[in-house]
């Protein structure tokens, strides 16, 4: 399962997505940090298939965790080389730069 939080402001939609077992945790490595304890990630539990059905409607998707990243790779939103790891936890962001929607 994934935890998905949808943020909307000024006509933009941002999804914060993380694997459910990571919510509430914090990971640090050198000067990098993933803070999954913040309200930014505190959303609703959702199956991967459910998120797949809505993922095209976002301006930014911030993803953390093996399952979240796998969904984005499966749909061609990112490639493996786009993923960074912080304390072994994969993280990537997708920006939709398409001006026509």
PDB file of N, CA and C in Angstrom:
ATOM      1  N   UNK A   1       0.827  -1.184   0.000  1.00  0.00           N
ATOM      2  CA  UNK A   1       0.000   0.000   0.000  1.00  0.00           C
ATOM      3  C   UNK A   1       0.876   1.255   0.000  1.00  0.00           C
ATOM      4  N   UNK A   2       0.284   2.317  -0.515  1.00  0.00           N
ATOM      5  CA  UNK A   2       0.943   3.619  -0.548  1.00  0.00           C
ATOM      6  C   UNK A   2       0.167   4.594   0.326  1.00  0.00           C
ATOM      7  N   UNK A   3       0.863   5.597   0.829  1.00  0.00           N
ATOM      8  CA  UNK A   3       0.211   6.722   1.487  1.00  0.00           C
ATOM      9  C   UNK A   3       0.298   7.880   0.503  1.00  0.00           C
ATOM     10  N   UNK A   4      -0.844   8.471   0.164  1.00  0.00           N
ATOM     11  CA  UNK A   4      -0.890   9.535  -0.834  1.00  0.00           C
ATOM     12  C   UNK A   4      -1.543  10.773  -0.220  1.00  0.00           C
ATOM     13  N   UNK A   5      -0.839  11.873  -0.290  1.00  0.00           N
ATOM     14  CA  UNK A   5      -1.367  13.166   0.166  1.00  0.00           C
ATOM     15  C   UNK A   5      -1.390  14.081  -1.044  1.00  0.00           C
ATOM     16  N   UNK A   6      -2.550  14.656  -1.319  1.00  0.00           N
ATOM     17  CA  UNK A   6      -2.704  15.554  -2.459  1.00  0.00           C
ATOM     18  C   UNK A   6      -2.774  16.981  -1.943  1.00  0.00           C
ATOM     19  N   UNK A   7      -1.898  17.809  -2.472  1.00  0.00           N
ATOM     20  CA  UNK A   7      -1.850  19.229  -2.123  1.00  0.00           C
ATOM     21  C   UNK A   7      -2.283  20.025  -3.352  1.00  0.00           C
ATOM     22  N   UNK A   8      -3.127  21.031  -3.151  1.00  0.00           N
ATOM     23  CA  UNK A   8      -3.552  21.899  -4.248  1.00  0.00           C
ATOM     24  C   UNK A   8      -3.414  23.349  -3.823  1.00  0.00           C
ATOM     25  N   UNK A   9      -2.745  24.133  -4.674  1.00  0.00           N
ATOM     26  CA  UNK A   9      -2.581  25.564  -4.399  1.00  0.00           C
ATOM     27  C   UNK A   9      -2.311  26.287  -5.706  1.00  0.00           C
ATOM     28  N   UNK A  10      -2.962  27.419  -5.865  1.00  0.00           N
ATOM     29  CA  UNK A  10      -2.755  28.275  -7.043  1.00  0.00           C
ATOM     30  C   UNK A  10      -2.859  27.511  -8.364  1.00  0.00           C
ATOM     31  N   UNK A  11      -3.819  26.610  -8.436  1.00  0.00           N
ATOM     32  CA  UNK A  11      -4.052  25.866  -9.661  1.00  0.00           C
ATOM     33  C   UNK A  11      -3.069  24.746  -9.935  1.00  0.00           C
ATOM     34  N   UNK A  12      -2.207  24.447  -8.997  1.00  0.00           N
ATOM     35  CA  UNK A  12      -1.215  23.375  -9.162  1.00  0.00           C
ATOM     36  C   UNK A  12      -1.568  22.226  -8.234  1.00  0.00           C
ATOM     37  N   UNK A  13      -1.285  21.011  -8.696  1.00  0.00           N
ATOM     38  CA  UNK A  13      -1.539  19.813  -7.887  1.00  0.00           C
ATOM     39  C   UNK A  13      -0.230  19.077  -7.638  1.00  0.00           C
ATOM     40  N   UNK A  14       0.029  18.789  -6.372  1.00  0.00           N
ATOM     41  CA  UNK A  14       1.238  18.082  -5.956  1.00  0.00           C
ATOM     42  C   UNK A  14       0.813  16.835  -5.195  1.00  0.00           C
ATOM     43  N   UNK A  15       1.415  15.704  -5.531  1.00  0.00           N
ATOM     44  CA  UNK A  15       1.160  14.462  -4.795  1.00  0.00           C
ATOM     45  C   UNK A  15       2.416  14.073  -4.035  1.00  0.00           C
ATOM     46  N   UNK A  16       2.255  13.799  -2.754  1.00  0.00           N
ATOM     47  CA  UNK A  16       3.321  13.243  -1.930  1.00  0.00           C
ATOM     48  C   UNK A  16       2.959  11.778  -1.716  1.00  0.00           C
ATOM     49  N   UNK A  17       3.835  10.882  -2.169  1.00  0.00           N
ATOM     50  CA  UNK A  17       3.536   9.451  -2.176  1.00  0.00           C
ATOM     51  C   UNK A  17       4.674   8.698  -1.502  1.00  0.00           C
ATOM     52  N   UNK A  18       4.331   7.833  -0.562  1.00  0.00           N
ATOM     53  CA  UNK A  18       5.366   7.000   0.044  1.00  0.00           C
ATOM     54  C   UNK A  18       4.797   5.627   0.384  1.00  0.00           C
ATOM     55  N   UNK A  19       5.675   4.656   0.469  1.00  0.00           N
ATOM     56  CA  UNK A  19       5.285   3.317   0.887  1.00  0.00           C
ATOM     57  C   UNK A  19       4.737   3.402   2.312  1.00  0.00           C
ATOM     58  N   UNK A  20       3.670   2.688   2.583  1.00  0.00           N
ATOM     59  CA  UNK A  20       2.960   2.838   3.855  1.00  0.00           C
ATOM     60  C   UNK A  20       3.829   2.555   5.073  1.00  0.00           C
ATOM     61  N   UNK A  21       4.764   1.637   4.991  1.00  0.00           N
ATOM     62  CA  UNK A  21       5.584   1.317   6.162  1.00  0.00           C
ATOM     63  C   UNK A  21       6.624   2.381   6.480  1.00  0.00           C
ATOM     64  N   UNK A  22       6.794   3.346   5.585  1.00  0.00           N
ATOM     65  CA  UNK A  22       7.787   4.411   5.803  1.00  0.00           C
ATOM     66  C   UNK A  22       7.186   5.650   6.476  1.00  0.00           C
ATOM     67  N   UNK A  23       5.870   5.770   6.456  1.00  0.00           N
ATOM     68  CA  UNK A  23       5.234   6.979   6.996  1.00  0.00           C
ATOM     69  C   UNK A  23       5.600   7.152   8.473  1.00  0.00           C
ATOM     70  N   UNK A  24       5.909   8.387   8.844  1.00  0.00           N
ATOM     71  CA  UNK A  24       6.261   8.701  10.218  1.00  0.00           C
ATOM     72  C   UNK A  24       7.733   8.560  10.539  1.00  0.00           C
ATOM     73  N   UNK A  25       8.527   8.129   9.570  1.00  0.00           N
ATOM     74  CA  UNK A  25       9.958   7.915   9.812  1.00  0.00           C
ATOM     75  C   UNK A  25      10.789   9.039   9.211  1.00  0.00           C
ATOM     76  N   UNK A  26      12.016   9.112   9.663  1.00  0.00           N
ATOM     77  CA  UNK A  26      12.961  10.113   9.162  1.00  0.00           C
ATOM     78  C   UNK A  26      14.269   9.400   8.831  1.00  0.00           C
ATOM     79  N   UNK A  27      14.824   9.716   7.649  1.00  0.00           N
ATOM     80  CA  UNK A  27      16.064   9.106   7.198  1.00  0.00           C
ATOM     81  C   UNK A  27      17.061  10.215   6.858  1.00  0.00           C
ATOM     82  N   UNK A  28      18.297  10.058   7.308  1.00  0.00           N
ATOM     83  CA  UNK A  28      19.330  11.041   6.997  1.00  0.00           C
ATOM     84  C   UNK A  28      20.571  10.329   6.494  1.00  0.00           C
ATOM     85  N   UNK A  29      21.261  11.018   5.611  1.00  0.00           N
ATOM     86  CA  UNK A  29      22.530  10.533   5.080  1.00  0.00           C
ATOM     87  C   UNK A  29      23.319  11.750   4.636  1.00  0.00           C
ATOM     88  N   UNK A  30      24.466  11.945   5.245  1.00  0.00           N
ATOM     89  CA  UNK A  30      25.276  13.128   4.981  1.00  0.00           C
ATOM     90  C   UNK A  30      24.412  14.380   5.182  1.00  0.00           C
ATOM     91  N   UNK A  31      24.278  15.206   4.156  1.00  0.00           N
ATOM     92  CA  UNK A  31      23.467  16.421   4.304  1.00  0.00           C
ATOM     93  C   UNK A  31      22.067  16.267   3.698  1.00  0.00           C
ATOM     94  N   UNK A  32      21.651  15.034   3.437  1.00  0.00           N
ATOM     95  CA  UNK A  32      20.328  14.767   2.864  1.00  0.00           C
ATOM     96  C   UNK A  32      19.386  14.212   3.923  1.00  0.00           C
ATOM     97  N   UNK A  33      18.112  14.545   3.799  1.00  0.00           N
ATOM     98  CA  UNK A  33      17.122  14.059   4.761  1.00  0.00           C
ATOM     99  C   UNK A  33      15.793  13.801   4.078  1.00  0.00           C
ATOM    100  N   UNK A  34      15.172  12.694   4.428  1.00  0.00           N
ATOM    101  CA  UNK A  34      13.784  12.404   4.058  1.00  0.00           C
ATOM    102  C   UNK A  34      12.993  12.413   5.354  1.00  0.00           C
ATOM    103  N   UNK A  35      12.079  13.345   5.496  1.00  0.00           N
ATOM    104  CA  UNK A  35      11.276  13.447   6.709  1.00  0.00           C
ATOM    105  C   UNK A  35       9.847  13.065   6.373  1.00  0.00           C
ATOM    106  N   UNK A  36       9.514  11.818   6.632  1.00  0.00           N
ATOM    107  CA  UNK A  36       8.182  11.308   6.324  1.00  0.00           C
ATOM    108  C   UNK A  36       7.261  11.404   7.526  1.00  0.00           C
ATOM    109  N   UNK A  37       7.701  12.151   8.532  1.00  0.00           N
ATOM    110  CA  UNK A  37       6.869  12.367   9.712  1.00  0.00           C
ATOM    111  C   UNK A  37       6.082  13.675   9.610  1.00  0.00           C
ATOM    112  N   UNK A  38       6.367  14.461   8.586  1.00  0.00           N
ATOM    113  CA  UNK A  38       5.693  15.750   8.444  1.00  0.00           C
ATOM    114  C   UNK A  38       4.290  15.585   7.856  1.00  0.00           C
ATOM    115  N   UNK A  39       3.484  16.619   8.000  1.00  0.00           N
ATOM    116  CA  UNK A  39       2.123  16.604   7.452  1.00  0.00           C
ATOM    117  C   UNK A  39       2.128  16.535   5.929  1.00  0.00           C
ATOM    118  N   UNK A  40       3.235  16.881   5.308  1.00  0.00           N
ATOM    119  CA  UNK A  40       3.335  16.843   3.849  1.00  0.00           C
ATOM    120  C   UNK A  40       2.999  15.452   3.313  1.00  0.00           C
ATOM    121  N   UNK A  41       3.403  14.414   4.026  1.00  0.00           N
ATOM    122  CA  UNK A  41       3.166  13.034   3.585  1.00  0.00           C
ATOM    123  C   UNK A  41       1.955  12.379   4.254  1.00  0.00           C
ATOM    124  N   UNK A  42       1.366  12.998   5.247  1.00  0.00           N
ATOM    125  CA  UNK A  42       0.286  12.373   6.017  1.00  0.00           C
ATOM    126  C   UNK A  42      -1.005  12.382   5.217  1.00  0.00           C
ATOM    127  N   UNK A  43      -1.206  11.332   4.433  1.00  0.00           N
ATOM    128  CA  UNK A  43      -2.379  11.264   3.572  1.00  0.00           C
ATOM    129  C   UNK A  43      -3.193  10.017   3.797  1.00  0.00           C
ATOM    130  N   UNK A  44      -3.795   9.551   2.730  1.00  0.00           N
ATOM    131  CA  UNK A  44      -4.672   8.390   2.790  1.00  0.00           C
ATOM    132  C   UNK A  44      -3.986   7.167   2.198  1.00  0.00           C
ATOM    133  N   UNK A  45      -4.300   6.017   2.766  1.00  0.00           N
ATOM    134  CA  UNK A  45      -3.767   4.774   2.251  1.00  0.00           C
ATOM    135  C   UNK A  45      -4.452   4.447   0.925  1.00  0.00           C
ATOM    136  N   UNK A  46      -3.656   3.995  -0.030  1.00  0.00           N
ATOM    137  CA  UNK A  46      -4.185   3.754  -1.376  1.00  0.00           C
ATOM    138  C   UNK A  46      -3.411   2.589  -1.998  1.00  0.00           C
ATOM    139  N   UNK A  47      -4.106   1.761  -2.713  1.00  0.00           N
ATOM    140  CA  UNK A  47      -3.443   0.679  -3.465  1.00  0.00           C
ATOM    141  C   UNK A  47      -2.675   1.284  -4.638  1.00  0.00           C
ATOM    142  N   UNK A  48      -1.611   0.595  -5.041  1.00  0.00           N
ATOM    143  CA  UNK A  48      -0.809   1.080  -6.161  1.00  0.00           C
ATOM    144  C   UNK A  48      -1.666   1.298  -7.399  1.00  0.00           C
ATOM    145  N   UNK A  49      -2.601   0.378  -7.660  1.00  0.00           N
ATOM    146  CA  UNK A  49      -3.454   0.480  -8.849  1.00  0.00           C
ATOM    147  C   UNK A  49      -4.332   1.729  -8.800  1.00  0.00           C
ATOM    148  N   UNK A  50      -4.790   2.082  -7.625  1.00  0.00           N
ATOM    149  CA  UNK A  50      -5.624   3.276  -7.491  1.00  0.00           C
ATOM    150  C   UNK A  50      -4.824   4.535  -7.781  1.00  0.00           C
ATOM    151  N   UNK A  51      -3.579   4.578  -7.287  1.00  0.00           N
ATOM    152  CA  UNK A  51      -2.745   5.742  -7.573  1.00  0.00           C
ATOM    153  C   UNK A  51      -2.407   5.808  -9.060  1.00  0.00           C
ATOM    154  N   UNK A  52      -2.156   4.663  -9.677  1.00  0.00           N
ATOM    155  CA  UNK A  52      -1.854   4.634 -11.113  1.00  0.00           C
ATOM    156  C   UNK A  52      -2.967   5.295 -11.916  1.00  0.00           C
ATOM    157  N   UNK A  53      -4.198   5.131 -11.483  1.00  0.00           N
ATOM    158  CA  UNK A  53      -5.330   5.663 -12.248  1.00  0.00           C
ATOM    159  C   UNK A  53      -5.449   7.184 -12.155  1.00  0.00           C
ATOM    160  N   UNK A  54      -4.808   7.825 -11.180  1.00  0.00           N
ATOM    161  CA  UNK A  54      -4.912   9.283 -11.037  1.00  0.00           C
ATOM    162  C   UNK A  54      -3.578  10.002 -11.231  1.00  0.00           C
ATOM    163  N   UNK A  55      -2.496   9.287 -11.447  1.00  0.00           N
ATOM    164  CA  UNK A  55      -1.164   9.897 -11.409  1.00  0.00           C
ATOM    165  C   UNK A  55      -0.879  10.886 -12.534  1.00  0.00           C
ATOM    166  N   UNK A  56      -1.620  10.872 -13.602  1.00  0.00           N
ATOM    167  CA  UNK A  56      -1.351  11.800 -14.702  1.00  0.00           C
ATOM    168  C   UNK A  56      -1.830  13.219 -14.426  1.00  0.00           C
ATOM    169  N   UNK A  57      -2.609  13.429 -13.381  1.00  0.00           N
ATOM    170  CA  UNK A  57      -3.197  14.729 -13.142  1.00  0.00           C
ATOM    171  C   UNK A  57      -2.428  15.638 -12.210  1.00  0.00           C
ATOM    172  N   UNK A  58      -1.127  15.405 -12.041  1.00  0.00           N
ATOM    173  CA  UNK A  58      -0.347  16.195 -11.088  1.00  0.00           C
ATOM    174  C   UNK A  58       0.740  17.005 -11.769  1.00  0.00           C
ATOM    175  N   UNK A  59       1.038  18.153 -11.201  1.00  0.00           N
ATOM    176  CA  UNK A  59       2.144  18.973 -11.684  1.00  0.00           C
ATOM    177  C   UNK A  59       3.473  18.485 -11.119  1.00  0.00           C
ATOM    178  N   UNK A  60       3.429  17.968  -9.888  1.00  0.00           N
ATOM    179  CA  UNK A  60       4.622  17.423  -9.237  1.00  0.00           C
ATOM    180  C   UNK A  60       4.200  16.176  -8.469  1.00  0.00           C
ATOM    181  N   UNK A  61       5.027  15.137  -8.556  1.00  0.00           N
ATOM    182  CA  UNK A  61       4.839  13.953  -7.718  1.00  0.00           C
ATOM    183  C   UNK A  61       6.148  13.724  -6.982  1.00  0.00           C
ATOM    184  N   UNK A  62       6.076  13.708  -5.672  1.00  0.00           N
ATOM    185  CA  UNK A  62       7.227  13.477  -4.808  1.00  0.00           C
ATOM    186  C   UNK A  62       7.072  12.061  -4.263  1.00  0.00           C
ATOM    187  N   UNK A  63       7.998  11.147  -4.606  1.00  0.00           N
ATOM    188  CA  UNK A  63       7.834   9.735  -4.294  1.00  0.00           C
ATOM    189  C   UNK A  63       8.973   9.209  -3.431  1.00  0.00           C
ATOM    190  N   UNK A  64       8.597   8.364  -2.457  1.00  0.00           N
ATOM    191  CA  UNK A  64       9.571   7.742  -1.575  1.00  0.00           C
ATOM    192  C   UNK A  64       9.179   6.285  -1.361  1.00  0.00           C
ATOM    193  N   UNK A  65      10.141   5.390  -1.519  1.00  0.00           N
ATOM    194  CA  UNK A  65       9.909   3.975  -1.240  1.00  0.00           C
ATOM    195  C   UNK A  65       9.950   3.116  -2.497  1.00  0.00           C
ATOM    196  N   UNK A  66      10.217   1.853  -2.288  1.00  0.00           N
ATOM    197  CA  UNK A  66      10.368   0.916  -3.404  1.00  0.00           C
ATOM    198  C   UNK A  66       9.100   0.807  -4.250  1.00  0.00           C
ATOM    199  N   UNK A  67       7.941   0.671  -3.618  1.00  0.00           N
ATOM    200  CA  UNK A  67       6.695   0.515  -4.383  1.00  0.00           C
ATOM    201  C   UNK A  67       6.313   1.794  -5.109  1.00  0.00           C
ATOM    202  N   UNK A  68       6.447   2.930  -4.439  1.00  0.00           N
ATOM    203  CA  UNK A  68       6.120   4.209  -5.085  1.00  0.00           C
ATOM    204  C   UNK A  68       6.995   4.432  -6.317  1.00  0.00           C
ATOM    205  N   UNK A  69       8.276   4.164  -6.177  1.00  0.00           N
ATOM    206  CA  UNK A  69       9.210   4.330  -7.292  1.00  0.00           C
ATOM    207  C   UNK A  69       8.895   3.335  -8.409  1.00  0.00           C
ATOM    208  N   UNK A  70       8.561   2.097  -8.057  1.00  0.00           N
ATOM    209  CA  UNK A  70       8.240   1.083  -9.064  1.00  0.00           C
ATOM    210  C   UNK A  70       7.050   1.495  -9.920  1.00  0.00           C
ATOM    211  N   UNK A  71       6.047   2.120  -9.310  1.00  0.00           N
ATOM    212  CA  UNK A  71       4.874   2.594 -10.061  1.00  0.00           C
ATOM    213  C   UNK A  71       5.307   3.641 -11.089  1.00  0.00           C
ATOM    214  N   UNK A  72       6.137   4.587 -10.673  1.00  0.00           N
ATOM    215  CA  UNK A  72       6.584   5.646 -11.583  1.00  0.00           C
ATOM    216  C   UNK A  72       7.443   5.091 -12.721  1.00  0.00           C
ATOM    217  N   UNK A  73       8.301   4.132 -12.420  1.00  0.00           N
ATOM    218  CA  UNK A  73       9.131   3.515 -13.465  1.00  0.00           C
ATOM    219  C   UNK A  73       8.249   2.730 -14.431  1.00  0.00           C
ATOM    220  N   UNK A  74       7.311   1.974 -13.892  1.00  0.00           N
ATOM    221  CA  UNK A  74       6.392   1.172 -14.723  1.00  0.00           C
ATOM    222  C   UNK A  74       5.656   2.039 -15.733  1.00  0.00           C
ATOM    223  N   UNK A  75       5.289   3.255 -15.344  1.00  0.00           N
ATOM    224  CA  UNK A  75       4.531   4.147 -16.220  1.00  0.00           C
ATOM    225  C   UNK A  75       5.410   5.107 -17.005  1.00  0.00           C
ATOM    226  N   UNK A  76       6.725   4.923 -16.937  1.00  0.00           N
ATOM    227  CA  UNK A  76       7.628   5.731 -17.735  1.00  0.00           C
ATOM    228  C   UNK A  76       7.795   7.164 -17.264  1.00  0.00           C
ATOM    229  N   UNK A  77       7.406   7.461 -16.026  1.00  0.00           N
ATOM    230  CA  UNK A  77       7.567   8.817 -15.507  1.00  0.00           C
ATOM    231  C   UNK A  77       9.013   9.115 -15.123  1.00  0.00           C
ATOM    232  N   UNK A  78       9.719   8.092 -14.680  1.00  0.00           N
ATOM    233  CA  UNK A  78      11.133   8.225 -14.328  1.00  0.00           C
ATOM    234  C   UNK A  78      11.871   6.979 -14.795  1.00  0.00           C
ATOM    235  N   UNK A  79      13.186   7.063 -14.770  1.00  0.00           N
ATOM    236  CA  UNK A  79      14.059   5.917 -15.040  1.00  0.00           C
ATOM    237  C   UNK A  79      14.850   5.643 -13.767  1.00  0.00           C
ATOM    238  N   UNK A  80      15.387   4.473 -13.665  1.00  0.00           N
ATOM    239  CA  UNK A  80      16.147   4.091 -12.475  1.00  0.00           C
ATOM    240  C   UNK A  80      17.249   5.103 -12.159  1.00  0.00           C
ATOM    241  N   UNK A  81      17.885   5.663 -13.185  1.00  0.00           N
ATOM    242  CA  UNK A  81      18.970   6.631 -12.946  1.00  0.00           C
ATOM    243  C   UNK A  81      18.461   7.967 -12.395  1.00  0.00           C
ATOM    244  N   UNK A  82      17.142   8.189 -12.384  1.00  0.00           N
ATOM    245  CA  UNK A  82      16.556   9.404 -11.813  1.00  0.00           C
ATOM    246  C   UNK A  82      16.358   9.301 -10.303  1.00  0.00           C
ATOM    247  N   UNK A  83      16.580   8.122  -9.745  1.00  0.00           N
ATOM    248  CA  UNK A  83      16.293   7.845  -8.339  1.00  0.00           C
ATOM    249  C   UNK A  83      17.542   8.050  -7.500  1.00  0.00           C
ATOM    250  N   UNK A  84      17.377   8.774  -6.387  1.00  0.00           N
ATOM    251  CA  UNK A  84      18.467   8.858  -5.416  1.00  0.00           C
ATOM    252  C   UNK A  84      18.085   7.994  -4.220  1.00  0.00           C
ATOM    253  N   UNK A  85      19.064   7.610  -3.445  1.00  0.00           N
ATOM    254  CA  UNK A  85      18.818   6.815  -2.242  1.00  0.00           C
ATOM    255  C   UNK A  85      19.397   7.550  -1.052  1.00  0.00           C
ATOM    256  N   UNK A  86      18.572   7.677  -0.034  1.00  0.00           N
ATOM    257  CA  UNK A  86      18.988   8.297   1.214  1.00  0.00           C
ATOM    258  C   UNK A  86      18.840   7.231   2.290  1.00  0.00           C
ATOM    259  N   UNK A  87      19.948   6.834   2.859  1.00  0.00           N
ATOM    260  CA  UNK A  87      19.965   5.721   3.822  1.00  0.00           C
ATOM    261  C   UNK A  87      19.301   4.486   3.222  1.00  0.00           C
ATOM    262  N   UNK A  88      19.504   4.267   1.922  1.00  0.00           N
ATOM    263  CA  UNK A  88      18.963   3.105   1.232  1.00  0.00           C
ATOM    264  C   UNK A  88      17.526   3.240   0.773  1.00  0.00           C
ATOM    265  N   UNK A  89      16.865   4.335   1.114  1.00  0.00           N
ATOM    266  CA  UNK A  89      15.459   4.542   0.751  1.00  0.00           C
ATOM    267  C   UNK A  89      15.394   5.321  -0.568  1.00  0.00           C
ATOM    268  N   UNK A  90      14.734   4.767  -1.609  1.00  0.00           N
ATOM    269  CA  UNK A  90      14.669   5.464  -2.892  1.00  0.00           C
ATOM    270  C   UNK A  90      13.721   6.668  -2.858  1.00  0.00           C
ATOM    271  N   UNK A  91      14.138   7.707  -3.574  1.00  0.00           N
ATOM    272  CA  UNK A  91      13.365   8.955  -3.637  1.00  0.00           C
ATOM    273  C   UNK A  91      13.511   9.551  -5.033  1.00  0.00           C
ATOM    274  N   UNK A  92      12.415  10.073  -5.569  1.00  0.00           N
ATOM    275  CA  UNK A  92      12.449  10.769  -6.856  1.00  0.00           C
ATOM    276  C   UNK A  92      11.306  11.765  -6.918  1.00  0.00           C
ATOM    277  N   UNK A  93      11.473  12.731  -7.810  1.00  0.00           N
ATOM    278  CA  UNK A  93      10.409  13.700  -8.065  1.00  0.00           C
ATOM    279  C   UNK A  93      10.123  13.731  -9.550  1.00  0.00           C
ATOM    280  N   UNK A  94       8.844  13.871  -9.870  1.00  0.00           N
ATOM    281  CA  UNK A  94       8.409  14.004 -11.256  1.00  0.00           C
ATOM    282  C   UNK A  94       7.809  15.400 -11.403  1.00  0.00           C
ATOM    283  N   UNK A  95       8.283  16.136 -12.389  1.00  0.00           N
ATOM    284  CA  UNK A  95       7.740  17.447 -12.692  1.00  0.00           C
ATOM    285  C   UNK A  95       7.060  17.369 -14.047  1.00  0.00           C
ATOM    286  N   UNK A  96       5.800  17.785 -14.117  1.00  0.00           N
ATOM    287  CA  UNK A  96       5.088  17.827 -15.377  1.00  0.00           C
ATOM    288  C   UNK A  96       5.265  19.219 -15.947  1.00  0.00           C
ATOM    289  N   UNK A  97       6.062  19.322 -16.974  1.00  0.00           N
ATOM    290  CA  UNK A  97       6.355  20.621 -17.575  1.00  0.00           C
ATOM    291  C   UNK A  97       5.504  20.892 -18.808  1.00  0.00           C
ATOM    292  N   UNK A  98       4.543  20.013 -19.073  1.00  0.00           N
ATOM    293  CA  UNK A  98       3.655  20.163 -20.225  1.00  0.00           C
ATOM    294  C   UNK A  98       2.723  21.365 -19.997  1.00  0.00           C
ATOM    295  N   UNK A  99       2.861  22.420 -20.790  1.00  0.00           N
ATOM    296  CA  UNK A  99       2.040  23.619 -20.556  1.00  0.00           C
ATOM    297  C   UNK A  99       0.587  23.455 -20.975  1.00  0.00           C
ATOM    298  N   UNK A 100       0.277  22.429 -21.764  1.00  0.00           N
ATOM    299  CA  UNK A 100      -1.085  22.255 -22.262  1.00  0.00           C
ATOM    300  C   UNK A 100      -1.696  21.041 -21.564  1.00  0.00           C
ATOM    301  N   UNK A 101      -2.761  21.332 -20.749  1.00  0.00           N
ATOM    302  CA  UNK A 101      -3.450  20.222 -20.090  1.00  0.00           C
ATOM    303  C   UNK A 101      -4.918  20.516 -20.025  1.00  0.00           C
TER     304      UNK A 101
END
